[in-house]
Amino acid sequence: MKTRGTLFVAALLVMSVAVIGCGKLDQKEFEMWKNEHVAQIDQSTTEIKANITKLEGKVDQNNKANMEAISEAKDEAIAASQQGDADTIAAAKQNTKEEIAKLRAEHSKDLDMAGKKANDFAKAEDAKLQKMVSDLANSQKAQGMDLQKVTAQIASILEQLSILKDDVASKPTLLVTVNFSSGQTSLSAKSKEMLDGVVGQIMENPEAEILVVGHADGTPVLRGGYQSNWDLSQARANAAAKYLKSKGIDAARVKAVGKAHTDPVAPQNTSAGRAMNRRVEVILTPAGSMM
């Protein structure tokens, strides 16, 4: 199309030049000249058209060839790419298979080793367990034999305890001891609390007698309402006995006696010893027992 435009412009230029020069020619010459040049122009145009057609054919042919070449190259490129992908995929698959096979082999090896260790451990533990069972059986057998001896010893001890208990039950039992200040016969708050603590035990032995024994520290009685330690110790016993009777104990069961300073529990030549000797003892005396 560009070639056609160029030729047309050239023809117009030629005609323009011719027209400009026509003013010097007559009509006949101009016609002749025009016809000659028109024929030349037509011929040139025809040749040009033929060349253009020829060129267009070549261009179309080249275009077709180029398109075919491009399409072929494209197909080859796609095929090469696909082949490359296929090769890559195949290689990857093969590599994966090889890695999986390798891992399986290693895993199988590890499993075999673990299984062997577990089996060895189980055998060792089983041996330990069997030894423990055997030792336990032997121990139980020995313990069974010892148990018979222990049982016999326990039975003997229980029998002795029963005899001792009966013997103790048949003898007087000291329940409590309360102390007094020098020359005093009244019970302190602490003494009353101590006597309260044995009331229950006395009640649990209704057949037993209660002996309340008063004592003195041996210091001569120089003043007060008591003529001697005998009188003082008896007054202390009477005070304790009276308190027990007030707690509900049958008066017929209670007997109060004074022993003065004849039965000391500590030295009489120290203040601490004399304080311990100024006392009243409450004794539980089972029926038929001997003092």
Protein backbone atom coordinates (compact mmCIF):
# COMPACT_ATOMS: atom_id res chain seq x y z
CA MET A 1 0.00 0.00 0.00
CA LYS A 2 2.89 2.36 0.69
CA THR A 3 4.35 1.62 -2.79
CA ARG A 4 1.05 2.45 -4.47
CA GLY A 5 0.85 5.82 -2.73
CA THR A 6 4.37 6.68 -3.78
CA LEU A 7 3.72 5.91 -7.48
CA PHE A 8 0.49 7.88 -7.47
CA VAL A 9 2.25 10.93 -6.07
CA ALA A 10 4.99 10.61 -8.67
CA ALA A 11 2.35 10.47 -11.42
CA LEU A 12 0.69 13.59 -10.12
CA LEU A 13 4.04 15.40 -10.07
CA VAL A 14 4.70 14.42 -13.66
CA MET A 15 1.27 15.60 -14.70
CA SER A 16 1.72 18.84 -12.82
CA VAL A 17 4.97 19.54 -14.62
CA ALA A 18 3.32 18.70 -17.87
CA VAL A 19 0.39 20.99 -17.17
CA ILE A 20 2.72 23.82 -16.24
CA GLY A 21 4.52 23.41 -19.53
CA CYS A 22 1.30 23.19 -21.50
CA GLY A 23 1.08 26.85 -21.87
CA LYS A 24 3.82 26.76 -24.56
CA LEU A 25 2.24 23.87 -26.50
CA ASP A 26 -0.75 23.94 -28.80
CA GLN A 27 -3.76 21.86 -28.29
CA LYS A 28 -2.85 19.13 -30.70
CA GLU A 29 0.67 18.72 -29.45
CA PHE A 30 -0.58 18.71 -25.93
CA GLU A 31 -3.06 15.99 -26.72
CA MET A 32 -0.39 13.94 -28.36
CA TRP A 33 1.96 14.51 -25.52
CA LYS A 34 -0.75 13.78 -22.97
CA ASN A 35 -1.85 10.61 -24.66
CA GLU A 36 1.71 9.43 -24.94
CA HIS A 37 2.43 10.14 -21.33
CA VAL A 38 -0.92 8.75 -20.18
CA ALA A 39 -0.15 5.57 -22.06
CA GLN A 40 3.28 5.50 -20.46
CA ILE A 41 1.72 6.17 -17.11
CA ASP A 42 -0.87 3.44 -17.65
CA GLN A 43 1.81 1.05 -18.69
CA SER A 44 3.93 1.99 -15.68
CA THR A 45 0.88 1.71 -13.46
CA THR A 46 0.10 -1.71 -14.88
CA GLU A 47 3.68 -2.81 -14.34
CA ILE A 48 3.66 -1.32 -10.90
CA LYS A 49 0.39 -3.10 -10.06
CA ALA A 50 1.84 -6.32 -11.39
CA ASN A 51 4.94 -5.84 -9.25
CA ILE A 52 2.81 -4.94 -6.29
CA THR A 53 0.70 -8.06 -6.78
CA LYS A 54 3.84 -10.08 -7.15
CA LEU A 55 5.30 -8.52 -4.05
CA GLU A 56 2.08 -9.06 -2.13
CA GLY A 57 2.13 -12.70 -3.16
CA LYS A 58 5.68 -13.02 -1.96
CA VAL A 59 4.80 -11.24 1.29
CA ASP A 60 1.81 -13.48 1.80
CA GLN A 61 3.94 -16.48 1.02
CA ASN A 62 6.64 -15.28 3.40
CA ASN A 63 4.01 -14.55 6.04
CA LYS A 64 2.56 -18.02 5.66
CA ALA A 65 6.01 -19.55 5.80
CA ASN A 66 6.85 -17.48 8.83
CA MET A 67 3.59 -18.43 10.55
CA GLU A 68 4.22 -22.09 9.77
CA ALA A 69 7.77 -21.77 11.06
CA ILE A 70 6.57 -19.98 14.17
CA SER A 71 3.84 -22.58 14.75
CA GLU A 72 6.31 -25.39 14.20
CA ALA A 73 8.84 -23.76 16.50
CA LYS A 74 6.10 -23.24 19.08
CA ASP A 75 5.00 -26.88 18.84
CA GLU A 76 8.63 -27.99 19.12
CA ALA A 77 9.15 -25.73 22.10
CA ILE A 78 6.00 -27.05 23.78
CA ALA A 79 6.95 -30.62 23.01
CA ALA A 80 10.46 -30.00 24.30
CA SER A 81 9.06 -28.37 27.40
CA GLN A 82 6.61 -31.20 27.95
CA GLN A 83 9.34 -33.72 27.35
CA GLY A 84 11.55 -31.80 29.75
CA ASP A 85 8.75 -31.75 32.34
CA ALA A 86 8.11 -35.42 31.79
CA ASP A 87 11.80 -36.17 32.20
CA THR A 88 11.97 -34.01 35.30
CA ILE A 89 8.87 -35.64 36.75
CA ALA A 90 10.15 -39.09 35.90
CA ALA A 91 13.49 -38.27 37.49
CA ALA A 92 11.77 -36.87 40.58
CA LYS A 93 9.56 -39.94 40.83
CA GLN A 94 12.58 -42.19 40.50
CA ASN A 95 14.48 -40.18 43.11
CA THR A 96 11.49 -40.28 45.43
CA LYS A 97 11.20 -44.03 45.01
CA GLU A 98 14.87 -44.43 45.80
CA GLU A 99 14.60 -42.19 48.91
CA ILE A 100 11.48 -44.05 50.09
CA ALA A 101 13.24 -47.37 49.61
CA LYS A 102 16.24 -46.03 51.52
CA LEU A 103 14.09 -44.73 54.37
CA ARG A 104 12.18 -48.01 54.50
CA ALA A 105 15.43 -49.91 54.72
CA GLU A 106 16.74 -47.65 57.50
CA HIS A 107 13.38 -47.78 59.30
CA SER A 108 13.29 -51.55 59.02
CA LYS A 109 16.81 -51.70 60.41
CA ASP A 110 15.86 -49.43 63.31
CA LEU A 111 12.76 -51.52 63.97
CA ASP A 112 14.81 -54.67 64.01
CA MET A 113 17.27 -53.13 66.47
CA ALA A 114 14.46 -51.78 68.64
CA GLY A 115 12.72 -55.14 68.56
CA LYS A 116 15.93 -56.89 69.56
CA LYS A 117 16.49 -54.45 72.44
CA ALA A 118 12.88 -54.80 73.57
CA ASN A 119 13.14 -58.57 73.42
CA ASP A 120 16.41 -58.56 75.38
CA PHE A 121 14.93 -56.15 77.93
CA ALA A 122 11.81 -58.31 78.28
CA LYS A 123 13.93 -61.41 78.83
CA ALA A 124 16.03 -59.63 81.45
CA GLU A 125 12.98 -58.28 83.25
CA ASP A 126 11.29 -61.67 83.08
CA ALA A 127 14.34 -63.23 84.68
CA LYS A 128 14.30 -60.57 87.41
CA LEU A 129 10.60 -61.14 87.97
CA GLN A 130 11.02 -64.88 88.19
CA LYS A 131 13.84 -64.40 90.71
CA MET A 132 11.66 -62.01 92.73
CA VAL A 133 8.80 -64.51 92.70
CA SER A 134 11.15 -67.28 93.76
CA ASP A 135 12.68 -65.15 96.52
CA LEU A 136 9.23 -64.09 97.65
CA ALA A 137 8.03 -67.69 97.77
CA ASN A 138 11.09 -68.69 99.77
CA SER A 139 10.62 -65.67 102.04
CA GLN A 140 6.96 -66.46 102.57
CA LYS A 141 7.84 -70.04 103.35
CA ALA A 142 10.41 -68.91 105.88
CA GLN A 143 8.01 -66.32 107.23
CA GLY A 144 5.35 -68.99 107.53
CA MET A 145 7.67 -71.04 109.70
CA ASP A 146 8.65 -67.95 111.72
CA LEU A 147 5.02 -66.94 111.97
CA GLN A 148 4.18 -70.15 113.76
CA LYS A 149 6.91 -69.41 116.30
CA VAL A 150 5.78 -65.79 116.64
CA THR A 151 2.17 -66.91 117.06
CA ALA A 152 3.16 -69.31 119.79
CA GLN A 153 5.21 -66.60 121.51
CA ILE A 154 2.31 -64.13 121.26
CA ALA A 155 -0.07 -66.68 122.74
CA SER A 156 2.36 -67.25 125.60
CA ILE A 157 2.74 -63.51 126.19
CA LEU A 158 -1.03 -63.00 126.13
CA GLU A 159 -1.44 -65.75 128.65
CA GLN A 160 1.17 -64.17 130.90
CA LEU A 161 -0.48 -60.77 130.48
CA SER A 162 -3.82 -62.25 131.44
CA ILE A 163 -2.30 -63.75 134.57
CA LEU A 164 -0.53 -60.49 135.33
CA LYS A 165 -3.72 -58.53 134.73
CA ASP A 166 -5.62 -60.77 137.11
CA ASP A 167 -2.81 -60.44 139.63
CA VAL A 168 -2.75 -56.67 139.28
CA ALA A 169 -6.52 -56.50 139.47
CA SER A 170 -6.40 -58.40 142.75
CA LYS A 171 -3.89 -55.99 144.31
CA PRO A 172 -4.36 -52.41 145.51
CA THR A 173 -3.72 -49.72 142.91
CA LEU A 174 -2.55 -46.20 143.67
CA LEU A 175 -4.90 -43.94 141.69
CA VAL A 176 -3.64 -40.47 142.60
CA THR A 177 -1.50 -38.51 145.08
CA VAL A 178 -2.34 -34.93 146.13
CA ASN A 179 -0.08 -32.69 148.22
CA PHE A 180 -0.65 -30.12 150.97
CA SER A 181 1.06 -27.04 152.30
CA SER A 182 2.82 -27.25 155.68
CA GLY A 183 0.31 -27.59 158.50
CA GLN A 184 -2.68 -27.39 156.05
CA THR A 185 -5.55 -29.86 155.53
CA SER A 186 -7.67 -28.08 152.91
CA LEU A 187 -7.61 -29.22 149.27
CA SER A 188 -6.18 -26.87 146.64
CA ALA A 189 -7.88 -26.31 143.28
CA LYS A 190 -5.22 -28.46 141.64
CA SER A 191 -5.79 -31.26 144.18
CA LYS A 192 -9.52 -31.22 143.51
CA GLU A 193 -8.90 -31.40 139.77
CA MET A 194 -6.64 -34.43 140.29
CA LEU A 195 -9.28 -36.16 142.41
CA ASP A 196 -11.91 -35.45 139.75
CA GLY A 197 -9.71 -37.35 137.29
CA VAL A 198 -10.05 -40.68 139.15
CA VAL A 199 -13.77 -40.56 139.97
CA GLY A 200 -14.64 -42.35 136.73
CA GLN A 201 -12.17 -45.15 137.37
CA ILE A 202 -13.57 -45.63 140.89
CA MET A 203 -17.10 -45.81 139.47
CA GLU A 204 -16.01 -48.52 137.01
CA ASN A 205 -14.98 -50.78 139.93
CA PRO A 206 -18.07 -50.80 142.15
CA GLU A 207 -16.89 -53.82 144.18
CA ALA A 208 -13.58 -52.28 145.17
CA GLU A 209 -12.99 -50.30 148.36
CA ILE A 210 -11.36 -46.85 148.32
CA LEU A 211 -8.62 -46.32 150.85
CA VAL A 212 -7.65 -42.68 151.43
CA VAL A 213 -4.33 -42.47 153.31
CA GLY A 214 -3.06 -39.19 154.80
CA HIS A 215 0.63 -38.41 155.52
CA ALA A 216 2.67 -35.73 157.28
CA ASP A 217 6.26 -34.54 156.91
CA GLY A 218 7.37 -35.26 160.52
CA THR A 219 7.73 -31.63 161.54
CA PRO A 220 6.51 -31.25 165.18
CA VAL A 221 3.07 -29.69 165.45
CA LEU A 222 3.51 -26.67 167.72
CA ARG A 223 0.33 -24.72 167.04
CA GLY A 224 -3.10 -25.04 165.46
CA GLY A 225 -5.99 -27.39 166.18
CA TYR A 226 -3.91 -30.59 165.77
CA GLN A 227 -1.94 -32.13 168.62
CA SER A 228 0.34 -34.31 166.45
CA ASN A 229 1.22 -35.41 162.92
CA TRP A 230 -1.21 -38.27 163.42
CA ASP A 231 -4.09 -35.89 163.85
CA LEU A 232 -2.85 -33.75 160.93
CA SER A 233 -2.52 -36.69 158.53
CA GLN A 234 -5.96 -38.02 159.51
CA ALA A 235 -7.52 -34.61 158.85
CA ARG A 236 -5.95 -34.56 155.38
CA ALA A 237 -7.33 -38.04 154.62
CA ASN A 238 -10.76 -37.03 155.88
CA ALA A 239 -10.76 -33.94 153.57
CA ALA A 240 -9.98 -36.02 150.48
CA ALA A 241 -12.50 -38.74 151.41
CA LYS A 242 -15.23 -36.14 151.96
CA TYR A 243 -14.55 -34.64 148.51
CA LEU A 244 -14.81 -38.03 146.79
CA LYS A 245 -18.10 -38.76 148.55
CA SER A 246 -19.41 -35.42 147.30
CA LYS A 247 -18.76 -36.68 143.75
CA GLY A 248 -21.23 -39.55 144.16
CA ILE A 249 -18.99 -42.30 145.47
CA ASP A 250 -20.72 -44.52 148.06
CA ALA A 251 -19.50 -43.50 151.53
CA ALA A 252 -19.51 -47.15 152.61
CA ARG A 253 -16.73 -47.84 150.10
CA VAL A 254 -14.48 -45.02 151.31
CA LYS A 255 -12.12 -45.48 154.29
CA ALA A 256 -9.80 -42.69 155.50
CA VAL A 257 -6.70 -43.35 157.65
CA GLY A 258 -3.78 -41.23 158.84
CA LYS A 259 -0.18 -42.54 159.02
CA ALA A 260 1.55 -39.41 160.26
CA HIS A 261 5.18 -39.40 159.14
CA THR A 262 5.71 -43.16 159.29
CA ASP A 263 5.66 -43.80 155.51
CA PRO A 264 7.72 -41.10 153.78
CA VAL A 265 8.45 -41.18 150.02
CA ALA A 266 11.28 -38.63 150.18
CA PRO A 267 13.96 -37.51 152.67
CA GLN A 268 12.58 -35.62 155.65
CA ASN A 269 15.68 -33.42 156.05
CA THR A 270 15.03 -31.32 152.89
CA SER A 271 12.22 -28.89 152.18
CA ALA A 272 11.53 -30.56 148.84
CA GLY A 273 11.39 -33.99 150.46
CA ARG A 274 9.06 -32.77 153.21
CA ALA A 275 6.77 -31.17 150.56
CA MET A 276 6.47 -34.55 148.81
CA ASN A 277 5.71 -36.30 152.09
CA ARG A 278 2.80 -33.95 152.93
CA ARG A 279 0.31 -35.92 150.88
CA VAL A 280 -2.87 -37.97 150.55
CA GLU A 281 -2.91 -41.15 148.48
CA VAL A 282 -6.14 -42.56 147.00
CA ILE A 283 -5.83 -46.34 146.64
CA LEU A 284 -8.24 -48.65 144.83
CA THR A 285 -8.51 -51.86 146.86
CA PRO A 286 -10.20 -54.82 145.09
CA ALA A 287 -12.49 -56.99 147.21
CA GLY A 288 -10.50 -59.64 149.05
CA SER A 289 -7.11 -58.01 148.41
CA MET A 290 -4.53 -57.72 151.14
CA MET A 291 -2.85 -54.41 151.98
